[in-house]
């Protein structure tokens, strides 16, 4: 089967997986983008599934080379499509959680002042995701015959071997988010009231509005200059 046809089939599979995970998404909704937030969850899990399939094809094909060896050529397409979905997840996350203020994934701000590196659960998850993306880009750019010939077999395999590192980073990234989501679900009866206390969208499923107990905070007196993090009571 030609490469273009394989890409078309894998793209269709990626779309179906994204739709299925979108339907099953069970997260605290973003105050401003509830539907887009569920789409974002779908993109993330569809990407993770395709990456897992990519890494499994080789070992599975060795179990029965004659029957399953034909799956090996599909690794390139499933890997690239996993990367495409992952990059889409990154872009949508920046819109849903931070309204394009990317640096707040990694740093804590007060107004326009950067205070410190965010080493909380979501900060760590974001740093892991950043490293995964930085490793992902060269993998995607070299997933073609021309790059393989240019780099040589040894160098090309070294670059592509980082797919296992990416999977480990993404697994930890996902585990942190799931752990925080479970904690939020345990407090669901209070979620709606807390979300209403937020006047602007906040990252991470509006977790900043939900992390502390007690009455809603007073109206901020300097709302034009306050960051999303400050406005959402964190």
Protein backbone atom coordinates (compact mmCIF):
# COMPACT_ATOMS: atom_id res chain seq x y z
CA UNK A 1 0.00 0.00 0.00
CA UNK A 2 1.33 3.45 -0.91
CA UNK A 3 2.49 5.83 1.78
CA UNK A 4 -0.18 8.44 1.04
CA UNK A 5 -2.94 5.85 1.39
CA UNK A 6 -1.51 4.69 4.72
CA UNK A 7 -1.40 8.27 5.98
CA UNK A 8 -5.03 8.71 4.97
CA UNK A 9 -6.11 5.58 6.85
CA UNK A 10 -4.11 6.48 9.96
CA UNK A 11 -5.46 10.05 9.87
CA UNK A 12 -8.98 8.62 9.79
CA UNK A 13 -8.11 6.36 12.73
CA UNK A 14 -6.74 9.35 14.64
CA UNK A 15 -9.94 11.27 13.99
CA UNK A 16 -12.10 8.37 15.19
CA UNK A 17 -10.01 7.95 18.36
CA UNK A 18 -10.20 11.67 19.08
CA UNK A 19 -13.98 11.59 18.66
CA UNK A 20 -14.38 8.54 20.91
CA UNK A 21 -12.25 10.05 23.68
CA UNK A 22 -14.10 13.35 23.24
CA UNK A 23 -17.38 11.54 23.87
CA UNK A 24 -15.94 9.88 26.97
CA UNK A 25 -14.23 13.00 28.31
CA UNK A 26 -15.12 13.45 31.97
CA UNK A 27 -13.28 16.51 33.20
CA UNK A 28 -14.06 19.67 35.08
CA UNK A 29 -15.04 21.96 32.19
CA UNK A 30 -13.12 25.06 31.28
CA UNK A 31 -15.29 28.07 32.24
CA UNK A 32 -15.03 29.56 28.75
CA UNK A 33 -14.41 26.56 26.48
CA UNK A 34 -16.16 23.40 27.78
CA UNK A 35 -16.53 21.77 24.35
CA UNK A 36 -13.03 22.67 23.20
CA UNK A 37 -11.69 21.32 26.48
CA UNK A 38 -13.25 17.92 25.77
CA UNK A 39 -11.82 18.00 22.24
CA UNK A 40 -8.45 18.68 23.81
CA UNK A 41 -8.79 15.60 26.02
CA UNK A 42 -9.66 13.59 22.92
CA UNK A 43 -6.56 14.82 21.10
CA UNK A 44 -4.32 13.97 24.04
CA UNK A 45 -5.51 10.40 24.50
CA UNK A 46 -5.72 9.66 20.77
CA UNK A 47 -2.10 10.78 20.44
CA UNK A 48 -1.05 8.57 23.36
CA UNK A 49 -2.82 5.53 21.90
CA UNK A 50 -1.19 5.97 18.49
CA UNK A 51 2.22 6.40 20.10
CA UNK A 52 1.68 3.18 22.03
CA UNK A 53 0.63 1.39 18.83
CA UNK A 54 3.76 2.69 17.09
CA UNK A 55 6.02 1.25 19.77
CA UNK A 56 4.15 -2.06 19.88
CA UNK A 57 4.22 -2.81 16.15
CA UNK A 58 7.88 -3.88 16.11
CA UNK A 59 7.75 -6.34 19.04
CA UNK A 60 4.41 -7.75 17.91
CA UNK A 61 5.65 -8.25 14.34
CA UNK A 62 8.59 -10.31 15.62
CA UNK A 63 6.19 -12.81 17.17
CA UNK A 64 4.93 -13.86 13.75
CA UNK A 65 7.03 -12.28 11.02
CA UNK A 66 5.14 -13.81 8.11
CA UNK A 67 1.70 -12.78 9.29
CA UNK A 68 2.40 -9.56 11.17
CA UNK A 69 5.50 -8.33 9.39
CA UNK A 70 3.31 -6.34 7.03
CA UNK A 71 2.45 -4.03 9.96
CA UNK A 72 6.01 -2.69 10.21
CA UNK A 73 5.67 -0.14 7.37
CA UNK A 74 2.75 1.44 9.27
CA UNK A 75 4.95 2.54 12.17
CA UNK A 76 6.03 5.70 10.39
CA UNK A 77 2.48 6.83 9.69
CA UNK A 78 1.14 6.05 13.17
CA UNK A 79 4.12 7.81 14.76
CA UNK A 80 3.75 10.95 12.65
CA UNK A 81 -0.01 11.09 13.24
CA UNK A 82 0.58 10.70 16.97
CA UNK A 83 2.89 13.71 16.78
CA UNK A 84 0.38 15.77 14.81
CA UNK A 85 -2.32 15.11 17.41
CA UNK A 86 0.12 15.88 20.23
CA UNK A 87 1.03 19.25 18.71
CA UNK A 88 -2.65 20.02 18.21
CA UNK A 89 -3.19 19.17 21.90
CA UNK A 90 -0.46 21.64 22.89
CA UNK A 91 -1.97 24.45 20.82
CA UNK A 92 -5.53 23.83 22.03
CA UNK A 93 -4.32 23.62 25.65
CA UNK A 94 -2.79 27.08 25.36
CA UNK A 95 -6.14 28.45 24.20
CA UNK A 96 -8.38 26.57 26.63
CA UNK A 97 -6.36 26.99 29.80
CA UNK A 98 -4.33 30.17 29.32
CA UNK A 99 -5.79 32.17 26.43
CA UNK A 100 -2.41 31.90 24.64
CA UNK A 101 -0.30 32.98 27.63
CA UNK A 102 2.10 30.08 27.14
CA UNK A 103 4.67 30.94 29.77
CA UNK A 104 2.12 30.51 32.56
CA UNK A 105 2.32 26.78 31.95
CA UNK A 106 5.84 26.89 33.36
CA UNK A 107 6.13 29.93 35.63
CA UNK A 108 4.14 31.55 38.44
CA UNK A 109 3.18 35.16 37.79
CA UNK A 110 1.84 38.06 39.85
CA UNK A 111 0.49 40.61 37.44
CA UNK A 112 3.11 40.94 34.71
CA UNK A 113 5.93 39.93 37.04
CA UNK A 114 7.37 36.44 36.77
CA UNK A 115 7.90 35.15 40.30
CA UNK A 116 9.34 31.66 40.05
CA UNK A 117 9.33 28.36 38.18
CA UNK A 118 6.11 26.43 38.72
CA UNK A 119 7.09 23.20 40.47
CA UNK A 120 3.56 22.25 41.49
CA UNK A 121 1.91 19.17 39.95
CA UNK A 122 0.70 20.98 36.84
CA UNK A 123 3.97 22.85 36.45
CA UNK A 124 5.93 19.60 36.52
CA UNK A 125 3.49 18.04 34.05
CA UNK A 126 3.94 21.02 31.74
CA UNK A 127 7.75 20.79 31.87
CA UNK A 128 7.56 17.08 31.07
CA UNK A 129 5.29 17.87 28.16
CA UNK A 130 7.72 20.53 26.88
CA UNK A 131 10.63 18.08 26.89
CA UNK A 132 8.46 15.53 25.07
CA UNK A 133 7.58 18.08 22.38
CA UNK A 134 11.23 19.08 21.91
CA UNK A 135 12.11 15.42 21.37
CA UNK A 136 9.07 14.86 19.18
CA UNK A 137 9.86 17.51 16.58
CA UNK A 138 13.10 15.94 15.26
CA UNK A 139 11.40 12.54 15.18
CA UNK A 140 8.64 13.90 12.99
CA UNK A 141 11.06 15.77 10.73
CA UNK A 142 13.19 12.65 10.17
CA UNK A 143 10.31 10.22 9.64
CA UNK A 144 10.92 9.94 5.90
CA UNK A 145 13.25 8.12 3.51
CA UNK A 146 15.17 11.25 2.56
CA UNK A 147 16.12 12.00 6.18
CA UNK A 148 17.09 8.37 6.73
CA UNK A 149 19.46 8.45 3.75
CA UNK A 150 20.92 11.81 4.81
CA UNK A 151 21.57 10.81 8.43
CA UNK A 152 22.65 7.26 7.80
CA UNK A 153 21.15 4.20 9.43
CA UNK A 154 22.97 4.51 12.76
CA UNK A 155 22.22 8.20 13.38
CA UNK A 156 18.65 7.86 12.13
CA UNK A 157 17.94 4.96 14.49
CA UNK A 158 19.44 6.96 17.37
CA UNK A 159 17.03 9.84 16.70
CA UNK A 160 14.04 7.56 16.27
CA UNK A 161 14.95 5.64 19.42
CA UNK A 162 13.88 8.64 21.48
CA UNK A 163 10.27 7.60 20.87
CA UNK A 164 10.54 5.42 23.99
CA UNK A 165 11.72 8.41 26.02
CA UNK A 166 8.79 10.42 24.71
CA UNK A 167 6.36 7.70 25.73
CA UNK A 168 7.77 7.66 29.27
CA UNK A 169 7.54 11.47 29.54
CA UNK A 170 3.99 11.49 28.23
CA UNK A 171 3.00 8.68 30.59
CA UNK A 172 4.20 10.68 33.61
CA UNK A 173 2.59 13.84 32.19
CA UNK A 174 -0.73 12.01 31.87
CA UNK A 175 -0.47 10.36 35.29
CA UNK A 176 -0.06 13.74 36.99
CA UNK A 177 -3.10 15.18 35.25
CA UNK A 178 -5.18 12.11 36.05
CA UNK A 179 -4.16 12.27 39.70
CA UNK A 180 -5.24 15.91 39.92
CA UNK A 181 -8.48 15.16 38.06
CA UNK A 182 -9.35 12.41 40.55
CA UNK A 183 -8.83 14.87 43.41
CA UNK A 184 -11.12 17.36 41.70
CA UNK A 185 -13.82 14.78 41.03
CA UNK A 186 -13.91 14.02 44.75
CA UNK A 187 -15.01 17.60 45.31
CA UNK A 188 -17.53 17.84 42.46
CA UNK A 189 -20.44 19.13 44.63
CA UNK A 190 -18.49 22.37 45.13
CA UNK A 191 -17.18 22.76 41.61
CA UNK A 192 -19.96 24.87 40.08
CA UNK A 193 -19.87 27.46 42.83
CA UNK A 194 -16.10 27.75 42.57
CA UNK A 195 -16.15 28.10 38.79
CA UNK A 196 -18.62 30.93 39.08
CA UNK A 197 -16.15 32.71 41.36
CA UNK A 198 -13.67 32.91 38.49
CA UNK A 199 -14.14 35.95 36.28
CA UNK A 200 -11.68 34.81 33.63
CA UNK A 201 -10.73 31.42 32.16
CA UNK A 202 -7.97 29.61 34.00
CA UNK A 203 -5.70 26.83 32.98
CA UNK A 204 -5.89 23.17 33.94
CA UNK A 205 -9.68 22.76 33.92
CA UNK A 206 -9.99 25.78 36.22
CA UNK A 207 -8.17 23.91 38.98
CA UNK A 208 -6.99 27.22 40.43
CA UNK A 209 -10.58 27.98 41.41
CA UNK A 210 -10.99 24.64 43.13
CA UNK A 211 -7.86 24.03 45.12
CA UNK A 212 -8.86 25.81 48.33
CA UNK A 213 -11.87 25.44 50.54
CA UNK A 214 -13.83 28.27 52.08
CA UNK A 215 -16.04 31.10 50.82
CA UNK A 216 -15.49 32.64 47.36
CA UNK A 217 -12.85 35.36 47.25
CA UNK A 218 -13.80 39.05 47.10
CA UNK A 219 -13.88 40.86 43.81
CA UNK A 220 -10.30 41.73 42.76
CA UNK A 221 -9.65 45.45 42.93
CA UNK A 222 -6.99 45.40 40.22
CA UNK A 223 -8.54 43.02 37.74
CA UNK A 224 -7.12 44.67 34.59
CA UNK A 225 -3.55 44.01 35.67
CA UNK A 226 -3.96 40.72 37.53
CA UNK A 227 -2.98 37.46 35.92
CA UNK A 228 -5.29 34.55 35.28
CA UNK A 229 -3.67 32.74 38.19
CA UNK A 230 -4.37 35.57 40.65
CA UNK A 231 -7.90 36.17 39.43
CA UNK A 232 -8.75 32.54 39.95
CA UNK A 233 -7.82 32.36 43.60
CA UNK A 234 -4.72 30.19 43.75
